[in-house]
Amino acid sequence: MRQGIALKKIVEYVARKASMLGQKYNLEDLVTPSIVPMFDKSIDKIVSIIVRNSNGLWCGLCEKGPFTKRGLYLHLIRVHSKDIEYMVHDELKKLLEVVKK
């Protein structure tokens, strides 16, 4: 249960970062402190996939746009939250495998 809540907060964190909005949460509060630097790089990689910044903000997943910052955030949360959740879960799994070794 706690993992699901944390994952939803991470999805919101990613959507806010992609939309260039201020953050509600600190990444250190959402994941283990030992993986924060590596996970921050993974989030940057995810952000580069889900947002395209040419003549406005465009969704990199469905190519809709242009959006305002808030509009992109709402679009990502309402339409692509499961996609972002899958991407975050996949990145977390990769990081935890690296840390275990």
C-alpha atoms as a PDB file:
ATOM      1  CA  MET A   1       0.000   0.000   0.000  1.00  0.00           C
ATOM      2  CA  ARG A   2       2.756   2.441   0.940  1.00  0.00           C
ATOM      3  CA  GLN A   3       4.607   1.620  -2.265  1.00  0.00           C
ATOM      4  CA  GLY A   4       1.557   2.501  -4.338  1.00  0.00           C
ATOM      5  CA  ILE A   5       1.201   5.862  -2.620  1.00  0.00           C
ATOM      6  CA  ALA A   6       4.906   6.601  -3.042  1.00  0.00           C
ATOM      7  CA  LEU A   7       4.738   5.602  -6.716  1.00  0.00           C
ATOM      8  CA  LYS A   8       1.826   8.007  -7.306  1.00  0.00           C
ATOM      9  CA  LYS A   9       3.806  10.786  -5.626  1.00  0.00           C
ATOM     10  CA  ILE A  10       6.812   9.997  -7.832  1.00  0.00           C
ATOM     11  CA  VAL A  11       4.557  10.128 -10.918  1.00  0.00           C
ATOM     12  CA  GLU A  12       3.352  13.547  -9.783  1.00  0.00           C
ATOM     13  CA  TYR A  13       6.984  14.580  -9.180  1.00  0.00           C
ATOM     14  CA  VAL A  14       7.922  13.537 -12.734  1.00  0.00           C
ATOM     15  CA  ALA A  15       4.893  15.280 -14.271  1.00  0.00           C
ATOM     16  CA  ARG A  16       5.652  18.507 -12.376  1.00  0.00           C
ATOM     17  CA  LYS A  17       9.325  18.357 -13.398  1.00  0.00           C
ATOM     18  CA  ALA A  18       8.370  17.751 -17.045  1.00  0.00           C
ATOM     19  CA  SER A  19       5.980  20.705 -16.882  1.00  0.00           C
ATOM     20  CA  MET A  20       8.611  22.924 -15.240  1.00  0.00           C
ATOM     21  CA  LEU A  21       6.373  23.547 -12.226  1.00  0.00           C
ATOM     22  CA  GLY A  22       7.509  23.800  -8.608  1.00  0.00           C
ATOM     23  CA  GLN A  23       7.700  20.562  -6.655  1.00  0.00           C
ATOM     24  CA  LYS A  24       5.413  19.539  -3.802  1.00  0.00           C
ATOM     25  CA  TYR A  25       7.723  16.757  -2.621  1.00  0.00           C
ATOM     26  CA  ASN A  26      11.447  16.266  -2.174  1.00  0.00           C
ATOM     27  CA  LEU A  27      12.853  13.285  -3.998  1.00  0.00           C
ATOM     28  CA  GLU A  28      14.735  12.335  -0.813  1.00  0.00           C
ATOM     29  CA  ASP A  29      11.376  11.794   0.911  1.00  0.00           C
ATOM     30  CA  LEU A  30      10.079   9.501  -1.841  1.00  0.00           C
ATOM     31  CA  VAL A  31      12.957   7.075  -2.442  1.00  0.00           C
ATOM     32  CA  THR A  32      15.845   5.653  -0.466  1.00  0.00           C
ATOM     33  CA  PRO A  33      18.557   8.297   0.023  1.00  0.00           C
ATOM     34  CA  SER A  34      21.217   5.976  -1.394  1.00  0.00           C
ATOM     35  CA  ILE A  35      19.636   5.967  -4.868  1.00  0.00           C
ATOM     36  CA  VAL A  36      18.535   9.632  -5.063  1.00  0.00           C
ATOM     37  CA  PRO A  37      21.403  10.819  -7.343  1.00  0.00           C
ATOM     38  CA  MET A  38      20.977   7.896  -9.738  1.00  0.00           C
ATOM     39  CA  PHE A  39      17.187   8.123  -9.706  1.00  0.00           C
ATOM     40  CA  ASP A  40      17.325  11.861 -10.403  1.00  0.00           C
ATOM     41  CA  LYS A  41      19.242  11.088 -13.608  1.00  0.00           C
ATOM     42  CA  SER A  42      16.645   8.453 -14.492  1.00  0.00           C
ATOM     43  CA  ILE A  43      13.870  10.994 -13.975  1.00  0.00           C
ATOM     44  CA  ASP A  44      15.679  13.418 -16.279  1.00  0.00           C
ATOM     45  CA  LYS A  45      15.754  10.665 -18.915  1.00  0.00           C
ATOM     46  CA  ILE A  46      12.014  10.042 -18.484  1.00  0.00           C
ATOM     47  CA  VAL A  47      11.298  13.787 -18.696  1.00  0.00           C
ATOM     48  CA  SER A  48      13.235  14.035 -21.951  1.00  0.00           C
ATOM     49  CA  ILE A  49      10.964  11.331 -23.376  1.00  0.00           C
ATOM     50  CA  ILE A  50       7.617  12.683 -22.183  1.00  0.00           C
ATOM     51  CA  VAL A  51       8.024  16.359 -23.076  1.00  0.00           C
ATOM     52  CA  ARG A  52       9.167  18.078 -26.238  1.00  0.00           C
ATOM     53  CA  ASN A  53      10.041  21.755 -25.958  1.00  0.00           C
ATOM     54  CA  SER A  54       9.791  23.283 -29.433  1.00  0.00           C
ATOM     55  CA  ASN A  55       7.567  26.325 -29.956  1.00  0.00           C
ATOM     56  CA  GLY A  56       5.776  25.522 -26.706  1.00  0.00           C
ATOM     57  CA  LEU A  57       5.448  22.424 -24.565  1.00  0.00           C
ATOM     58  CA  TRP A  58       4.362  19.288 -26.417  1.00  0.00           C
ATOM     59  CA  CYS A  59       3.556  15.828 -25.066  1.00  0.00           C
ATOM     60  CA  GLY A  60       6.228  13.435 -26.257  1.00  0.00           C
ATOM     61  CA  LEU A  61       3.958  10.438 -25.700  1.00  0.00           C
ATOM     62  CA  CYS A  62       1.005  11.419 -27.893  1.00  0.00           C
ATOM     63  CA  GLU A  63       2.344  14.518 -29.713  1.00  0.00           C
ATOM     64  CA  LYS A  64      -0.486  16.775 -28.500  1.00  0.00           C
ATOM     65  CA  GLY A  65       0.106  20.409 -27.744  1.00  0.00           C
ATOM     66  CA  PRO A  66       1.234  23.081 -27.445  1.00  0.00           C
ATOM     67  CA  PHE A  67       0.426  23.358 -23.746  1.00  0.00           C
ATOM     68  CA  THR A  68       0.999  25.852 -21.006  1.00  0.00           C
ATOM     69  CA  LYS A  69       2.997  24.538 -18.052  1.00  0.00           C
ATOM     70  CA  ARG A  70      -0.148  23.817 -16.079  1.00  0.00           C
ATOM     71  CA  GLY A  71      -1.911  22.391 -19.122  1.00  0.00           C
ATOM     72  CA  LEU A  72       0.913  19.948 -19.773  1.00  0.00           C
ATOM     73  CA  TYR A  73       0.944  18.904 -16.121  1.00  0.00           C
ATOM     74  CA  LEU A  74      -2.807  18.240 -16.163  1.00  0.00           C
ATOM     75  CA  HIS A  75      -2.535  16.369 -19.470  1.00  0.00           C
ATOM     76  CA  LEU A  76       0.249  14.139 -18.140  1.00  0.00           C
ATOM     77  CA  ILE A  77      -1.592  13.375 -14.894  1.00  0.00           C
ATOM     78  CA  ARG A  78      -4.997  12.789 -16.491  1.00  0.00           C
ATOM     79  CA  VAL A  79      -4.011  10.988 -19.689  1.00  0.00           C
ATOM     80  CA  HIS A  80      -0.572   9.445 -19.174  1.00  0.00           C
ATOM     81  CA  SER A  81      -0.280   8.723 -15.439  1.00  0.00           C
ATOM     82  CA  LYS A  82      -0.200   4.946 -16.023  1.00  0.00           C
ATOM     83  CA  ASP A  83       2.435   5.355 -18.757  1.00  0.00           C
ATOM     84  CA  ILE A  84       4.609   7.454 -16.460  1.00  0.00           C
ATOM     85  CA  GLU A  85       4.016   5.016 -13.606  1.00  0.00           C
ATOM     86  CA  TYR A  86       5.216   2.151 -15.795  1.00  0.00           C
ATOM     87  CA  MET A  87       8.327   4.108 -16.848  1.00  0.00           C
ATOM     88  CA  VAL A  88       9.135   5.035 -13.232  1.00  0.00           C
ATOM     89  CA  HIS A  89       8.573   1.469 -12.026  1.00  0.00           C
ATOM     90  CA  ASP A  90      10.873   0.157 -14.761  1.00  0.00           C
ATOM     91  CA  GLU A  91      13.623   2.654 -13.877  1.00  0.00           C
ATOM     92  CA  LEU A  92      13.326   1.864 -10.168  1.00  0.00           C
ATOM     93  CA  LYS A  93      13.622  -1.834 -10.882  1.00  0.00           C
ATOM     94  CA  LYS A  94      16.779  -1.239 -12.948  1.00  0.00           C
ATOM     95  CA  LEU A  95      18.318   0.917 -10.213  1.00  0.00           C
ATOM     96  CA  LEU A  96      17.568  -1.566  -7.470  1.00  0.00           C
ATOM     97  CA  GLU A  97      19.177  -4.369  -9.489  1.00  0.00           C
ATOM     98  CA  VAL A  98      22.326  -2.243  -9.871  1.00  0.00           C
ATOM     99  CA  VAL A  99      22.375  -1.392  -6.159  1.00  0.00           C
ATOM    100  CA  LYS A 100      21.973  -5.044  -5.142  1.00  0.00           C
ATOM    101  CA  LYS A 101      25.107  -6.059  -7.062  1.00  0.00           C
END
